[in-house]
Amino acid sequence: FSPDGKTLASGSSDKTVRLWDPATGALRGTLEGHSDWVNILAFSPDGKTLASGSSDDTVRLWDPATGASRGTLEGHWASVFTLAFSPDGKTLA
């Protein structure tokens, strides 16, 4: 869930991230870019960035409001299964 509770993000074996309206269950958008399963998702504390970790050994950063890609973090040696933003949102681990 986003920090304000208005968006639910889900990752899937079909390599996508989906954004949902939890109040209505309506699909708001589908984010594409990973080349393998999406294992983990994390919203930044301000809700303006969504990070997705995948079995393609990358972390992708997204703007959940627009669905635009904000970049890809490469260099992992294996699948990414955990992600966490620091409380101030300045660091992603």
Protein backbone atom coordinates (compact mmCIF):
# COMPACT_ATOMS: atom_id res chain seq x y z
CA PHE A 1 0.00 0.00 0.00
CA SER A 2 1.05 3.57 -0.63
CA PRO A 3 1.60 5.62 2.54
CA ASP A 4 -1.76 7.37 2.06
CA GLY A 5 -3.53 4.03 1.50
CA LYS A 6 -4.97 5.12 -1.85
CA THR A 7 -2.88 2.85 -4.08
CA LEU A 8 -2.08 -0.84 -3.87
CA ALA A 9 0.85 -2.18 -5.90
CA SER A 10 1.26 -5.83 -6.85
CA GLY A 11 4.10 -7.64 -8.58
CA SER A 12 3.71 -10.73 -10.69
CA SER A 13 5.30 -13.64 -12.49
CA ASP A 14 4.25 -11.96 -15.74
CA LYS A 15 7.06 -9.40 -15.16
CA THR A 16 4.70 -6.49 -14.46
CA VAL A 17 3.76 -4.20 -11.61
CA ARG A 18 0.08 -3.37 -11.34
CA LEU A 19 -1.38 -0.37 -9.54
CA TRP A 20 -4.84 -0.73 -8.04
CA ASP A 21 -7.45 1.43 -6.34
CA PRO A 22 -8.01 -0.48 -3.08
CA ALA A 23 -11.38 1.19 -2.49
CA THR A 24 -12.90 -0.01 -5.77
CA GLY A 25 -10.58 -2.80 -6.91
CA ALA A 26 -10.10 -1.01 -10.23
CA LEU A 27 -6.82 -1.41 -12.08
CA ARG A 28 -5.14 1.98 -12.46
CA GLY A 29 -2.18 0.92 -14.54
CA THR A 30 0.37 -1.69 -15.49
CA LEU A 31 4.09 -0.94 -15.35
CA GLU A 32 6.32 -2.91 -17.70
CA GLY A 33 10.10 -3.11 -17.80
CA HIS A 34 11.31 -6.13 -15.86
CA SER A 35 12.39 -9.24 -17.75
CA ASP A 36 11.55 -11.73 -14.98
CA TRP A 37 9.28 -12.13 -11.93
CA VAL A 38 8.61 -9.07 -9.78
CA ASN A 39 9.29 -10.23 -6.22
CA ILE A 40 9.06 -7.18 -3.97
CA LEU A 41 7.65 -3.65 -3.98
CA ALA A 42 8.25 -0.67 -1.71
CA PHE A 43 6.76 2.82 -1.71
CA SER A 44 8.89 5.73 -0.56
CA PRO A 45 7.61 7.40 2.63
CA ASP A 46 6.16 10.31 0.63
CA GLY A 47 4.52 7.92 -1.86
CA LYS A 48 6.15 9.61 -4.85
CA THR A 49 8.43 6.71 -5.78
CA LEU A 50 7.72 3.00 -6.09
CA ALA A 51 10.65 0.56 -6.17
CA SER A 52 10.28 -2.93 -7.65
CA GLY A 53 12.75 -5.78 -7.17
CA SER A 54 12.90 -8.64 -9.63
CA SER A 55 14.43 -11.98 -10.49
CA ASP A 56 16.06 -10.15 -13.41
CA ASP A 57 18.61 -8.90 -10.82
CA THR A 58 17.44 -5.27 -11.01
CA VAL A 59 15.53 -2.70 -9.01
CA ARG A 60 13.37 -0.34 -11.01
CA LEU A 61 12.11 3.01 -9.77
CA TRP A 62 8.72 4.31 -10.88
CA ASP A 63 6.52 7.36 -10.51
CA PRO A 64 3.29 5.74 -9.26
CA ALA A 65 1.21 8.79 -10.24
CA THR A 66 2.17 8.63 -13.93
CA GLY A 67 3.64 5.14 -14.35
CA ALA A 68 6.83 6.65 -15.75
CA SER A 69 10.14 4.90 -15.18
CA ARG A 70 12.60 6.84 -13.04
CA GLY A 71 15.52 4.51 -13.65
CA THR A 72 16.98 1.08 -13.12
CA LEU A 73 19.49 -0.01 -10.49
CA GLU A 74 21.72 -2.76 -11.84
CA GLY A 75 24.65 -4.68 -10.42
CA HIS A 76 22.89 -7.17 -8.18
CA TRP A 77 24.35 -10.67 -8.36
CA ALA A 78 21.02 -12.42 -7.95
CA SER A 79 17.28 -11.94 -7.66
CA VAL A 80 16.09 -9.04 -5.53
CA PHE A 81 13.74 -10.22 -2.78
CA THR A 82 13.84 -7.38 -0.25
CA LEU A 83 13.64 -3.60 -0.48
CA ALA A 84 13.18 -0.85 2.08
CA PHE A 85 13.31 2.92 2.02
CA SER A 86 14.83 4.77 4.95
CA PRO A 87 12.31 6.78 7.00
CA ASP A 88 13.40 10.02 5.29
CA GLY A 89 13.13 8.41 1.83
CA LYS A 90 16.68 9.34 0.84
CA THR A 91 18.12 5.82 0.90
CA LEU A 92 16.90 2.58 -0.63
CA ALA A 93 18.35 -0.67 0.72
